[in-house]
mmCIF file of all heavy atoms, coordinates in Angstrom:
data_MODEL
# 
_entry.id   MODEL 
# 
loop_
_atom_site.group_PDB 
_atom_site.id 
_atom_site.type_symbol 
_atom_site.label_atom_id 
_atom_site.label_alt_id 
_atom_site.label_comp_id 
_atom_site.label_asym_id 
_atom_site.label_entity_id 
_atom_site.label_seq_id 
_atom_site.pdbx_PDB_ins_code 
_atom_site.Cartn_x 
_atom_site.Cartn_y 
_atom_site.Cartn_z 
_atom_site.occupancy 
_atom_site.B_iso_or_equiv 
_atom_site.pdbx_formal_charge 
_atom_site.auth_seq_id 
_atom_site.auth_comp_id 
_atom_site.auth_asym_id 
_atom_site.auth_atom_id 
_atom_site.pdbx_PDB_model_num 
ATOM 1   N N   . LYS A 1 1  ? -2.386 -13.096 10.251  1.00 0.00 ? 1  LYS A N   1 
ATOM 2   C CA  . LYS A 1 1  ? -3.741 -13.601 10.397  1.00 0.00 ? 1  LYS A CA  1 
ATOM 3   C C   . LYS A 1 1  ? -4.447 -13.575 9.048   1.00 0.00 ? 1  LYS A C   1 
ATOM 4   O O   . LYS A 1 1  ? -4.079 -12.799 8.170   1.00 0.00 ? 1  LYS A O   1 
ATOM 5   C CB  . LYS A 1 1  ? -4.526 -12.742 11.389  1.00 0.00 ? 1  LYS A CB  1 
ATOM 6   C CG  . LYS A 1 1  ? -3.874 -12.595 12.751  1.00 0.00 ? 1  LYS A CG  1 
ATOM 7   C CD  . LYS A 1 1  ? -4.657 -11.624 13.612  1.00 0.00 ? 1  LYS A CD  1 
ATOM 8   C CE  . LYS A 1 1  ? -4.026 -11.448 14.973  1.00 0.00 ? 1  LYS A CE  1 
ATOM 9   N NZ  . LYS A 1 1  ? -4.790 -10.480 15.815  1.00 0.00 ? 1  LYS A NZ  1 
ATOM 10  N N   . PRO A 1 2  ? -5.479 -14.390 8.872   1.00 0.00 ? 2  PRO A N   1 
ATOM 11  C CA  . PRO A 1 2  ? -6.223 -14.359 7.606   1.00 0.00 ? 2  PRO A CA  1 
ATOM 12  C C   . PRO A 1 2  ? -6.741 -12.969 7.259   1.00 0.00 ? 2  PRO A C   1 
ATOM 13  O O   . PRO A 1 2  ? -6.800 -12.620 6.077   1.00 0.00 ? 2  PRO A O   1 
ATOM 14  C CB  . PRO A 1 2  ? -7.372 -15.343 7.851   1.00 0.00 ? 2  PRO A CB  1 
ATOM 15  C CG  . PRO A 1 2  ? -6.809 -16.325 8.822   1.00 0.00 ? 2  PRO A CG  1 
ATOM 16  C CD  . PRO A 1 2  ? -5.940 -15.504 9.736   1.00 0.00 ? 2  PRO A CD  1 
ATOM 17  N N   . GLU A 1 3  ? -7.107 -12.179 8.257   1.00 0.00 ? 3  GLU A N   1 
ATOM 18  C CA  . GLU A 1 3  ? -7.609 -10.839 7.999   1.00 0.00 ? 3  GLU A CA  1 
ATOM 19  C C   . GLU A 1 3  ? -6.541 -9.875  7.506   1.00 0.00 ? 3  GLU A C   1 
ATOM 20  O O   . GLU A 1 3  ? -6.852 -8.747  7.127   1.00 0.00 ? 3  GLU A O   1 
ATOM 21  C CB  . GLU A 1 3  ? -8.305 -10.258 9.241   1.00 0.00 ? 3  GLU A CB  1 
ATOM 22  C CG  . GLU A 1 3  ? -7.503 -10.422 10.517  1.00 0.00 ? 3  GLU A CG  1 
ATOM 23  C CD  . GLU A 1 3  ? -7.908 -11.646 11.316  1.00 0.00 ? 3  GLU A CD  1 
ATOM 24  O OE1 . GLU A 1 3  ? -8.050 -12.734 10.723  1.00 0.00 ? 3  GLU A OE1 1 
ATOM 25  O OE2 . GLU A 1 3  ? -8.093 -11.518 12.540  1.00 0.00 ? 3  GLU A OE2 1 
ATOM 26  N N   . ASP A 1 4  ? -5.278 -10.297 7.508   1.00 0.00 ? 4  ASP A N   1 
ATOM 27  C CA  . ASP A 1 4  ? -4.211 -9.494  6.934   1.00 0.00 ? 4  ASP A CA  1 
ATOM 28  C C   . ASP A 1 4  ? -4.135 -9.650  5.420   1.00 0.00 ? 4  ASP A C   1 
ATOM 29  O O   . ASP A 1 4  ? -3.364 -8.938  4.766   1.00 0.00 ? 4  ASP A O   1 
ATOM 30  C CB  . ASP A 1 4  ? -2.864 -9.869  7.540   1.00 0.00 ? 4  ASP A CB  1 
ATOM 31  C CG  . ASP A 1 4  ? -2.772 -9.554  9.025   1.00 0.00 ? 4  ASP A CG  1 
ATOM 32  O OD1 . ASP A 1 4  ? -3.258 -8.479  9.435   1.00 0.00 ? 4  ASP A OD1 1 
ATOM 33  O OD2 . ASP A 1 4  ? -2.202 -10.371 9.772   1.00 0.00 ? 4  ASP A OD2 1 
ATOM 34  N N   . THR A 1 5  ? -4.898 -10.571 4.874   1.00 0.00 ? 5  THR A N   1 
ATOM 35  C CA  . THR A 1 5  ? -4.893 -10.802 3.436   1.00 0.00 ? 5  THR A CA  1 
ATOM 36  C C   . THR A 1 5  ? -5.325 -9.546  2.688   1.00 0.00 ? 5  THR A C   1 
ATOM 37  O O   . THR A 1 5  ? -6.401 -9.005  2.933   1.00 0.00 ? 5  THR A O   1 
ATOM 38  C CB  . THR A 1 5  ? -5.816 -11.964 3.069   1.00 0.00 ? 5  THR A CB  1 
ATOM 39  O OG1 . THR A 1 5  ? -5.321 -13.174 3.656   1.00 0.00 ? 5  THR A OG1 1 
ATOM 40  C CG2 . THR A 1 5  ? -5.886 -12.153 1.560   1.00 0.00 ? 5  THR A CG2 1 
ATOM 41  N N   . ALA A 1 6  ? -4.476 -9.079  1.786   1.00 0.00 ? 6  ALA A N   1 
ATOM 42  C CA  . ALA A 1 6  ? -4.743 -7.855  1.048   1.00 0.00 ? 6  ALA A CA  1 
ATOM 43  C C   . ALA A 1 6  ? -3.604 -7.608  0.075   1.00 0.00 ? 6  ALA A C   1 
ATOM 44  O O   . ALA A 1 6  ? -2.581 -8.288  0.103   1.00 0.00 ? 6  ALA A O   1 
ATOM 45  C CB  . ALA A 1 6  ? -4.882 -6.658  1.999   1.00 0.00 ? 6  ALA A CB  1 
ATOM 46  N N   . VAL A 1 7  ? -3.802 -6.620  -0.788  1.00 0.00 ? 7  VAL A N   1 
ATOM 47  C CA  . VAL A 1 7  ? -2.715 -6.101  -1.590  1.00 0.00 ? 7  VAL A CA  1 
ATOM 48  C C   . VAL A 1 7  ? -2.080 -4.958  -0.814  1.00 0.00 ? 7  VAL A C   1 
ATOM 49  O O   . VAL A 1 7  ? -2.782 -4.046  -0.365  1.00 0.00 ? 7  VAL A O   1 
ATOM 50  C CB  . VAL A 1 7  ? -3.194 -5.611  -2.969  1.00 0.00 ? 7  VAL A CB  1 
ATOM 51  C CG1 . VAL A 1 7  ? -2.034 -5.020  -3.756  1.00 0.00 ? 7  VAL A CG1 1 
ATOM 52  C CG2 . VAL A 1 7  ? -3.826 -6.758  -3.746  1.00 0.00 ? 7  VAL A CG2 1 
ATOM 53  N N   . TYR A 1 8  ? -0.782 -5.002  -0.656  1.00 0.00 ? 8  TYR A N   1 
ATOM 54  C CA  . TYR A 1 8  ? -0.062 -4.012  0.129   1.00 0.00 ? 8  TYR A CA  1 
ATOM 55  C C   . TYR A 1 8  ? 0.664  -3.040  -0.791  1.00 0.00 ? 8  TYR A C   1 
ATOM 56  O O   . TYR A 1 8  ? 1.342  -3.439  -1.737  1.00 0.00 ? 8  TYR A O   1 
ATOM 57  C CB  . TYR A 1 8  ? 0.932  -4.697  1.069   1.00 0.00 ? 8  TYR A CB  1 
ATOM 58  C CG  . TYR A 1 8  ? 0.268  -5.337  2.261   1.00 0.00 ? 8  TYR A CG  1 
ATOM 59  C CD1 . TYR A 1 8  ? -0.506 -6.477  2.109   1.00 0.00 ? 8  TYR A CD1 1 
ATOM 60  C CD2 . TYR A 1 8  ? 0.402  -4.794  3.539   1.00 0.00 ? 8  TYR A CD2 1 
ATOM 61  C CE1 . TYR A 1 8  ? -1.138 -7.062  3.190   1.00 0.00 ? 8  TYR A CE1 1 
ATOM 62  C CE2 . TYR A 1 8  ? -0.214 -5.373  4.626   1.00 0.00 ? 8  TYR A CE2 1 
ATOM 63  C CZ  . TYR A 1 8  ? -0.984 -6.507  4.446   1.00 0.00 ? 8  TYR A CZ  1 
ATOM 64  O OH  . TYR A 1 8  ? -1.607 -7.093  5.532   1.00 0.00 ? 8  TYR A OH  1 
ATOM 65  N N   . TYR A 1 9  ? 0.521  -1.750  -0.492  1.00 0.00 ? 9  TYR A N   1 
ATOM 66  C CA  . TYR A 1 9  ? 1.116  -0.680  -1.269  1.00 0.00 ? 9  TYR A CA  1 
ATOM 67  C C   . TYR A 1 9  ? 1.960  0.213   -0.369  1.00 0.00 ? 9  TYR A C   1 
ATOM 68  O O   . TYR A 1 9  ? 1.691  0.335   0.820   1.00 0.00 ? 9  TYR A O   1 
ATOM 69  C CB  . TYR A 1 9  ? 0.045  0.206   -1.912  1.00 0.00 ? 9  TYR A CB  1 
ATOM 70  C CG  . TYR A 1 9  ? -0.957 -0.501  -2.782  1.00 0.00 ? 9  TYR A CG  1 
ATOM 71  C CD1 . TYR A 1 9  ? -2.091 -1.084  -2.234  1.00 0.00 ? 9  TYR A CD1 1 
ATOM 72  C CD2 . TYR A 1 9  ? -0.784 -0.559  -4.162  1.00 0.00 ? 9  TYR A CD2 1 
ATOM 73  C CE1 . TYR A 1 9  ? -3.032 -1.715  -3.031  1.00 0.00 ? 9  TYR A CE1 1 
ATOM 74  C CE2 . TYR A 1 9  ? -1.720 -1.191  -4.962  1.00 0.00 ? 9  TYR A CE2 1 
ATOM 75  C CZ  . TYR A 1 9  ? -2.839 -1.764  -4.392  1.00 0.00 ? 9  TYR A CZ  1 
ATOM 76  O OH  . TYR A 1 9  ? -3.765 -2.391  -5.189  1.00 0.00 ? 9  TYR A OH  1 
ATOM 77  N N   . CYS A 1 10 ? 2.941  0.852   -0.956  1.00 0.00 ? 10 CYS A N   1 
ATOM 78  C CA  . CYS A 1 10 ? 3.671  1.877   -0.229  1.00 0.00 ? 10 CYS A CA  1 
ATOM 79  C C   . CYS A 1 10 ? 3.410  3.233   -0.858  1.00 0.00 ? 10 CYS A C   1 
ATOM 80  O O   . CYS A 1 10 ? 2.944  3.336   -1.997  1.00 0.00 ? 10 CYS A O   1 
ATOM 81  C CB  . CYS A 1 10 ? 5.179  1.582   -0.178  1.00 0.00 ? 10 CYS A CB  1 
ATOM 82  S SG  . CYS A 1 10 ? 6.026  1.596   -1.775  1.00 0.00 ? 10 CYS A SG  1 
ATOM 83  N N   . ASN A 1 11 ? 3.683  4.285   -0.099  1.00 0.00 ? 11 ASN A N   1 
ATOM 84  C CA  . ASN A 1 11 ? 3.486  5.642   -0.579  1.00 0.00 ? 11 ASN A CA  1 
ATOM 85  C C   . ASN A 1 11 ? 4.404  6.574   0.205   1.00 0.00 ? 11 ASN A C   1 
ATOM 86  O O   . ASN A 1 11 ? 5.067  6.142   1.153   1.00 0.00 ? 11 ASN A O   1 
ATOM 87  C CB  . ASN A 1 11 ? 2.017  6.057   -0.436  1.00 0.00 ? 11 ASN A CB  1 
ATOM 88  C CG  . ASN A 1 11 ? 1.589  7.063   -1.482  1.00 0.00 ? 11 ASN A CG  1 
ATOM 89  O OD1 . ASN A 1 11 ? 2.276  8.062   -1.715  1.00 0.00 ? 11 ASN A OD1 1 
ATOM 90  N ND2 . ASN A 1 11 ? 0.448  6.820   -2.117  1.00 0.00 ? 11 ASN A ND2 1 
ATOM 91  N N   . ALA A 1 12 ? 4.431  7.837   -0.194  1.00 0.00 ? 12 ALA A N   1 
ATOM 92  C CA  . ALA A 1 12 ? 5.341  8.793   0.415   1.00 0.00 ? 12 ALA A CA  1 
ATOM 93  C C   . ALA A 1 12 ? 4.674  10.143  0.591   1.00 0.00 ? 12 ALA A C   1 
ATOM 94  O O   . ALA A 1 12 ? 3.766  10.513  -0.156  1.00 0.00 ? 12 ALA A O   1 
ATOM 95  C CB  . ALA A 1 12 ? 6.609  8.948   -0.429  1.00 0.00 ? 12 ALA A CB  1 
ATOM 96  N N   . VAL A 1 13 ? 5.138  10.875  1.592   1.00 0.00 ? 13 VAL A N   1 
ATOM 97  C CA  . VAL A 1 13 ? 4.721  12.247  1.845   1.00 0.00 ? 13 VAL A CA  1 
ATOM 98  C C   . VAL A 1 13 ? 5.849  13.168  1.441   1.00 0.00 ? 13 VAL A C   1 
ATOM 99  O O   . VAL A 1 13 ? 6.991  12.984  1.861   1.00 0.00 ? 13 VAL A O   1 
ATOM 100 C CB  . VAL A 1 13 ? 4.367  12.464  3.330   1.00 0.00 ? 13 VAL A CB  1 
ATOM 101 C CG1 . VAL A 1 13 ? 4.096  13.944  3.599   1.00 0.00 ? 13 VAL A CG1 1 
ATOM 102 C CG2 . VAL A 1 13 ? 3.167  11.624  3.717   1.00 0.00 ? 13 VAL A CG2 1 
ATOM 103 N N   . TYR A 1 14 ? 5.520  14.180  0.639   1.00 0.00 ? 14 TYR A N   1 
ATOM 104 C CA  . TYR A 1 14 ? 6.528  15.111  0.151   1.00 0.00 ? 14 TYR A CA  1 
ATOM 105 C C   . TYR A 1 14 ? 6.467  16.460  0.844   1.00 0.00 ? 14 TYR A C   1 
ATOM 106 O O   . TYR A 1 14 ? 7.185  17.370  0.489   1.00 0.00 ? 14 TYR A O   1 
ATOM 107 C CB  . TYR A 1 14 ? 6.374  15.311  -1.363  1.00 0.00 ? 14 TYR A CB  1 
ATOM 108 C CG  . TYR A 1 14 ? 6.467  14.048  -2.148  1.00 0.00 ? 14 TYR A CG  1 
ATOM 109 C CD1 . TYR A 1 14 ? 5.317  13.405  -2.598  1.00 0.00 ? 14 TYR A CD1 1 
ATOM 110 C CD2 . TYR A 1 14 ? 7.700  13.482  -2.433  1.00 0.00 ? 14 TYR A CD2 1 
ATOM 111 C CE1 . TYR A 1 14 ? 5.392  12.237  -3.310  1.00 0.00 ? 14 TYR A CE1 1 
ATOM 112 C CE2 . TYR A 1 14 ? 7.785  12.302  -3.149  1.00 0.00 ? 14 TYR A CE2 1 
ATOM 113 C CZ  . TYR A 1 14 ? 6.629  11.688  -3.586  1.00 0.00 ? 14 TYR A CZ  1 
ATOM 114 O OH  . TYR A 1 14 ? 6.723  10.521  -4.300  1.00 0.00 ? 14 TYR A OH  1 
ATOM 115 N N   . GLY A 1 15 ? 5.605  16.585  1.837   1.00 0.00 ? 15 GLY A N   1 
ATOM 116 C CA  . GLY A 1 15 ? 5.459  17.828  2.573   1.00 0.00 ? 15 GLY A CA  1 
ATOM 117 C C   . GLY A 1 15 ? 4.057  18.386  2.539   1.00 0.00 ? 15 GLY A C   1 
ATOM 118 O O   . GLY A 1 15 ? 3.710  19.234  3.350   1.00 0.00 ? 15 GLY A O   1 
ATOM 119 N N   . THR A 1 16 ? 3.231  17.911  1.611   1.00 0.00 ? 16 THR A N   1 
ATOM 120 C CA  . THR A 1 16 ? 1.853  18.377  1.504   1.00 0.00 ? 16 THR A CA  1 
ATOM 121 C C   . THR A 1 16 ? 0.840  17.270  1.742   1.00 0.00 ? 16 THR A C   1 
ATOM 122 O O   . THR A 1 16 ? -0.341 17.555  1.975   1.00 0.00 ? 16 THR A O   1 
ATOM 123 C CB  . THR A 1 16 ? 1.608  19.013  0.129   1.00 0.00 ? 16 THR A CB  1 
ATOM 124 O OG1 . THR A 1 16 ? 0.277  19.530  0.073   1.00 0.00 ? 16 THR A OG1 1 
ATOM 125 C CG2 . THR A 1 16 ? 1.786  17.971  -0.975  1.00 0.00 ? 16 THR A CG2 1 
ATOM 126 N N   . GLY A 1 17 ? 1.266  16.027  1.674   1.00 0.00 ? 17 GLY A N   1 
ATOM 127 C CA  . GLY A 1 17 ? 0.364  14.911  1.884   1.00 0.00 ? 17 GLY A CA  1 
ATOM 128 C C   . GLY A 1 17 ? 0.826  13.685  1.117   1.00 0.00 ? 17 GLY A C   1 
ATOM 129 O O   . GLY A 1 17 ? 1.832  13.718  0.410   1.00 0.00 ? 17 GLY A O   1 
ATOM 130 N N   . TRP A 1 18 ? 0.072  12.621  1.257   1.00 0.00 ? 18 TRP A N   1 
ATOM 131 C CA  . TRP A 1 18 ? 0.414  11.392  0.555   1.00 0.00 ? 18 TRP A CA  1 
ATOM 132 C C   . TRP A 1 18 ? 0.252  11.570  -0.953  1.00 0.00 ? 18 TRP A C   1 
ATOM 133 O O   . TRP A 1 18 ? -0.674 12.213  -1.425  1.00 0.00 ? 18 TRP A O   1 
ATOM 134 C CB  . TRP A 1 18 ? -0.463 10.241  1.029   1.00 0.00 ? 18 TRP A CB  1 
ATOM 135 C CG  . TRP A 1 18 ? -0.248 9.881   2.467   1.00 0.00 ? 18 TRP A CG  1 
ATOM 136 C CD1 . TRP A 1 18 ? -1.036 10.203  3.517   1.00 0.00 ? 18 TRP A CD1 1 
ATOM 137 C CD2 . TRP A 1 18 ? 0.855  9.138   3.005   1.00 0.00 ? 18 TRP A CD2 1 
ATOM 138 N NE1 . TRP A 1 18 ? -0.508 9.712   4.680   1.00 0.00 ? 18 TRP A NE1 1 
ATOM 139 C CE2 . TRP A 1 18 ? 0.656  9.048   4.397   1.00 0.00 ? 18 TRP A CE2 1 
ATOM 140 C CE3 . TRP A 1 18 ? 1.987  8.543   2.441   1.00 0.00 ? 18 TRP A CE3 1 
ATOM 141 C CZ2 . TRP A 1 18 ? 1.556  8.386   5.236   1.00 0.00 ? 18 TRP A CZ2 1 
ATOM 142 C CZ3 . TRP A 1 18 ? 2.880  7.885   3.280   1.00 0.00 ? 18 TRP A CZ3 1 
ATOM 143 C CH2 . TRP A 1 18 ? 2.657  7.807   4.656   1.00 0.00 ? 18 TRP A CH2 1 
ATOM 144 N N   . SER A 1 19 ? 1.164  10.968  -1.686  1.00 0.00 ? 19 SER A N   1 
ATOM 145 C CA  . SER A 1 19 ? 1.095  11.009  -3.137  1.00 0.00 ? 19 SER A CA  1 
ATOM 146 C C   . SER A 1 19 ? -0.165 10.312  -3.629  1.00 0.00 ? 19 SER A C   1 
ATOM 147 O O   . SER A 1 19 ? -0.626 9.338   -3.018  1.00 0.00 ? 19 SER A O   1 
ATOM 148 C CB  . SER A 1 19 ? 2.334  10.335  -3.741  1.00 0.00 ? 19 SER A CB  1 
ATOM 149 O OG  . SER A 1 19 ? 2.199  10.199  -5.139  1.00 0.00 ? 19 SER A OG  1 
ATOM 150 N N   . ASP A 1 20 ? -0.729 10.813  -4.720  1.00 0.00 ? 20 ASP A N   1 
ATOM 151 C CA  . ASP A 1 20 ? -1.900 10.185  -5.317  1.00 0.00 ? 20 ASP A CA  1 
ATOM 152 C C   . ASP A 1 20 ? -1.520 9.167   -6.383  1.00 0.00 ? 20 ASP A C   1 
ATOM 153 O O   . ASP A 1 20 ? -2.389 8.644   -7.080  1.00 0.00 ? 20 ASP A O   1 
ATOM 154 C CB  . ASP A 1 20 ? -2.859 11.225  -5.898  1.00 0.00 ? 20 ASP A CB  1 
ATOM 155 C CG  . ASP A 1 20 ? -2.212 12.089  -6.961  1.00 0.00 ? 20 ASP A CG  1 
ATOM 156 O OD1 . ASP A 1 20 ? -1.042 11.851  -7.311  1.00 0.00 ? 20 ASP A OD1 1 
ATOM 157 O OD2 . ASP A 1 20 ? -2.887 13.019  -7.449  1.00 0.00 ? 20 ASP A OD2 1 
ATOM 158 N N   . SER A 1 21 ? -0.234 8.892   -6.502  1.00 0.00 ? 21 SER A N   1 
ATOM 159 C CA  . SER A 1 21 ? 0.260  7.869   -7.412  1.00 0.00 ? 21 SER A CA  1 
ATOM 160 C C   . SER A 1 21 ? 0.606  6.617   -6.623  1.00 0.00 ? 21 SER A C   1 
ATOM 161 O O   . SER A 1 21 ? 1.219  6.694   -5.554  1.00 0.00 ? 21 SER A O   1 
ATOM 162 C CB  . SER A 1 21 ? 1.489  8.365   -8.176  1.00 0.00 ? 21 SER A CB  1 
ATOM 163 O OG  . SER A 1 21 ? 1.160  9.475   -8.994  1.00 0.00 ? 21 SER A OG  1 
ATOM 164 N N   . TRP A 1 22 ? 0.214  5.472   -7.162  1.00 0.00 ? 22 TRP A N   1 
ATOM 165 C CA  . TRP A 1 22 ? 0.422  4.202   -6.488  1.00 0.00 ? 22 TRP A CA  1 
ATOM 166 C C   . TRP A 1 22 ? 1.116  3.206   -7.397  1.00 0.00 ? 22 TRP A C   1 
ATOM 167 O O   . TRP A 1 22 ? 0.967  3.245   -8.617  1.00 0.00 ? 22 TRP A O   1 
ATOM 168 C CB  . TRP A 1 22 ? -0.907 3.613   -6.020  1.00 0.00 ? 22 TRP A CB  1 
ATOM 169 C CG  . TRP A 1 22 ? -1.649 4.491   -5.069  1.00 0.00 ? 22 TRP A CG  1 
ATOM 170 C CD1 . TRP A 1 22 ? -2.518 5.504   -5.397  1.00 0.00 ? 22 TRP A CD1 1 
ATOM 171 C CD2 . TRP A 1 22 ? -1.589 4.452   -3.647  1.00 0.00 ? 22 TRP A CD2 1 
ATOM 172 N NE1 . TRP A 1 22 ? -2.995 6.101   -4.252  1.00 0.00 ? 22 TRP A NE1 1 
ATOM 173 C CE2 . TRP A 1 22 ? -2.445 5.463   -3.161  1.00 0.00 ? 22 TRP A CE2 1 
ATOM 174 C CE3 . TRP A 1 22 ? -0.903 3.667   -2.729  1.00 0.00 ? 22 TRP A CE3 1 
ATOM 175 C CZ2 . TRP A 1 22 ? -2.631 5.700   -1.804  1.00 0.00 ? 22 TRP A CZ2 1 
ATOM 176 C CZ3 . TRP A 1 22 ? -1.080 3.898   -1.379  1.00 0.00 ? 22 TRP A CZ3 1 
ATOM 177 C CH2 . TRP A 1 22 ? -1.943 4.905   -0.929  1.00 0.00 ? 22 TRP A CH2 1 
ATOM 178 N N   . GLY A 1 23 ? 1.872  2.317   -6.784  1.00 0.00 ? 23 GLY A N   1 
ATOM 179 C CA  . GLY A 1 23 ? 2.487  1.238   -7.528  1.00 0.00 ? 23 GLY A CA  1 
ATOM 180 C C   . GLY A 1 23 ? 1.511  0.099   -7.741  1.00 0.00 ? 23 GLY A C   1 
ATOM 181 O O   . GLY A 1 23 ? 0.306  0.224   -7.502  1.00 0.00 ? 23 GLY A O   1 
ATOM 182 N N   . GLN A 1 24 ? 2.020  -1.014  -8.195  1.00 0.00 ? 24 GLN A N   1 
ATOM 183 C CA  . GLN A 1 24 ? 1.186  -2.179  -8.457  1.00 0.00 ? 24 GLN A CA  1 
ATOM 184 C C   . GLN A 1 24 ? 0.789  -2.911  -7.181  1.00 0.00 ? 24 GLN A C   1 
ATOM 185 O O   . GLN A 1 24 ? -0.193 -3.645  -7.163  1.00 0.00 ? 24 GLN A O   1 
ATOM 186 C CB  . GLN A 1 24 ? 1.897  -3.147  -9.396  1.00 0.00 ? 24 GLN A CB  1 
ATOM 187 C CG  . GLN A 1 24 ? 2.044  -2.653  -10.819 1.00 0.00 ? 24 GLN A CG  1 
ATOM 188 C CD  . GLN A 1 24 ? 0.719  -2.553  -11.521 1.00 0.00 ? 24 GLN A CD  1 
ATOM 189 O OE1 . GLN A 1 24 ? 0.147  -1.466  -11.668 1.00 0.00 ? 24 GLN A OE1 1 
ATOM 190 N NE2 . GLN A 1 24 ? 0.191  -3.688  -11.959 1.00 0.00 ? 24 GLN A NE2 1 
ATOM 191 N N   . GLY A 1 25 ? 1.549  -2.717  -6.120  1.00 0.00 ? 25 GLY A N   1 
ATOM 192 C CA  . GLY A 1 25 ? 1.289  -3.412  -4.879  1.00 0.00 ? 25 GLY A CA  1 
ATOM 193 C C   . GLY A 1 25 ? 1.822  -4.837  -4.916  1.00 0.00 ? 25 GLY A C   1 
ATOM 194 O O   . GLY A 1 25 ? 2.249  -5.338  -5.951  1.00 0.00 ? 25 GLY A O   1 
ATOM 195 N N   . THR A 1 26 ? 1.787  -5.480  -3.761  1.00 0.00 ? 26 THR A N   1 
ATOM 196 C CA  . THR A 1 26 ? 2.204  -6.870  -3.672  1.00 0.00 ? 26 THR A CA  1 
ATOM 197 C C   . THR A 1 26 ? 1.173  -7.640  -2.854  1.00 0.00 ? 26 THR A C   1 
ATOM 198 O O   . THR A 1 26 ? 0.720  -7.183  -1.805  1.00 0.00 ? 26 THR A O   1 
ATOM 199 C CB  . THR A 1 26 ? 3.621  -6.986  -3.057  1.00 0.00 ? 26 THR A CB  1 
ATOM 200 O OG1 . THR A 1 26 ? 4.057  -8.345  -3.076  1.00 0.00 ? 26 THR A OG1 1 
ATOM 201 C CG2 . THR A 1 26 ? 3.663  -6.450  -1.627  1.00 0.00 ? 26 THR A CG2 1 
ATOM 202 N N   . GLN A 1 27 ? 0.783  -8.791  -3.342  1.00 0.00 ? 27 GLN A N   1 
ATOM 203 C CA  . GLN A 1 27 ? -0.294 -9.573  -2.736  1.00 0.00 ? 27 GLN A CA  1 
ATOM 204 C C   . GLN A 1 27 ? 0.209  -10.368 -1.544  1.00 0.00 ? 27 GLN A C   1 
ATOM 205 O O   . GLN A 1 27 ? 1.218  -11.068 -1.624  1.00 0.00 ? 27 GLN A O   1 
ATOM 206 C CB  . GLN A 1 27 ? -0.905 -10.529 -3.767  1.00 0.00 ? 27 GLN A CB  1 
ATOM 207 C CG  . GLN A 1 27 ? -1.965 -11.463 -3.197  1.00 0.00 ? 27 GLN A CG  1 
ATOM 208 C CD  . GLN A 1 27 ? -3.251 -10.748 -2.869  1.00 0.00 ? 27 GLN A CD  1 
ATOM 209 O OE1 . GLN A 1 27 ? -3.791 -10.014 -3.690  1.00 0.00 ? 27 GLN A OE1 1 
ATOM 210 N NE2 . GLN A 1 27 ? -3.745 -10.956 -1.646  1.00 0.00 ? 27 GLN A NE2 1 
ATOM 211 N N   . VAL A 1 28 ? -0.513 -10.264 -0.446  1.00 0.00 ? 28 VAL A N   1 
ATOM 212 C CA  . VAL A 1 28 ? -0.265 -11.065 0.747   1.00 0.00 ? 28 VAL A CA  1 
ATOM 213 C C   . VAL A 1 28 ? -1.506 -11.901 1.017   1.00 0.00 ? 28 VAL A C   1 
ATOM 214 O O   . VAL A 1 28 ? -2.602 -11.361 1.164   1.00 0.00 ? 28 VAL A O   1 
ATOM 215 C CB  . VAL A 1 28 ? 0.067  -10.193 1.968   1.00 0.00 ? 28 VAL A CB  1 
ATOM 216 C CG1 . VAL A 1 28 ? 0.124  -11.041 3.241   1.00 0.00 ? 28 VAL A CG1 1 
ATOM 217 C CG2 . VAL A 1 28 ? 1.381  -9.468  1.758   1.00 0.00 ? 28 VAL A CG2 1 
ATOM 218 N N   . THR A 1 29 ? -1.335 -13.210 1.064   1.00 0.00 ? 29 THR A N   1 
ATOM 219 C CA  . THR A 1 29 ? -2.436 -14.121 1.323   1.00 0.00 ? 29 THR A CA  1 
ATOM 220 C C   . THR A 1 29 ? -2.111 -14.983 2.533   1.00 0.00 ? 29 THR A C   1 
ATOM 221 O O   . THR A 1 29 ? -1.088 -15.667 2.560   1.00 0.00 ? 29 THR A O   1 
ATOM 222 C CB  . THR A 1 29 ? -2.712 -15.012 0.106   1.00 0.00 ? 29 THR A CB  1 
ATOM 223 O OG1 . THR A 1 29 ? -3.003 -14.208 -1.033  1.00 0.00 ? 29 THR A OG1 1 
ATOM 224 C CG2 . THR A 1 29 ? -3.892 -15.934 0.379   1.00 0.00 ? 29 THR A CG2 1 
ATOM 225 N N   . VAL A 1 30 ? -2.979 -14.946 3.523   1.00 0.00 ? 30 VAL A N   1 
ATOM 226 C CA  . VAL A 1 30 ? -2.803 -15.716 4.748   1.00 0.00 ? 30 VAL A CA  1 
ATOM 227 C C   . VAL A 1 30 ? -3.970 -16.691 4.855   1.00 0.00 ? 30 VAL A C   1 
ATOM 228 O O   . VAL A 1 30 ? -5.116 -16.284 5.051   1.00 0.00 ? 30 VAL A O   1 
ATOM 229 C CB  . VAL A 1 30 ? -2.739 -14.821 5.988   1.00 0.00 ? 30 VAL A CB  1 
ATOM 230 C CG1 . VAL A 1 30 ? -2.435 -15.660 7.228   1.00 0.00 ? 30 VAL A CG1 1 
ATOM 231 C CG2 . VAL A 1 30 ? -1.689 -13.728 5.810   1.00 0.00 ? 30 VAL A CG2 1 
# 
């Protein structure tokens, strides 16, 4: 849907929470 338009990022949990480091992401445009 158009409302899905965003930059999408992935992240990981190492046992204490989500990492505070992020990649560049990938753009999705609908």
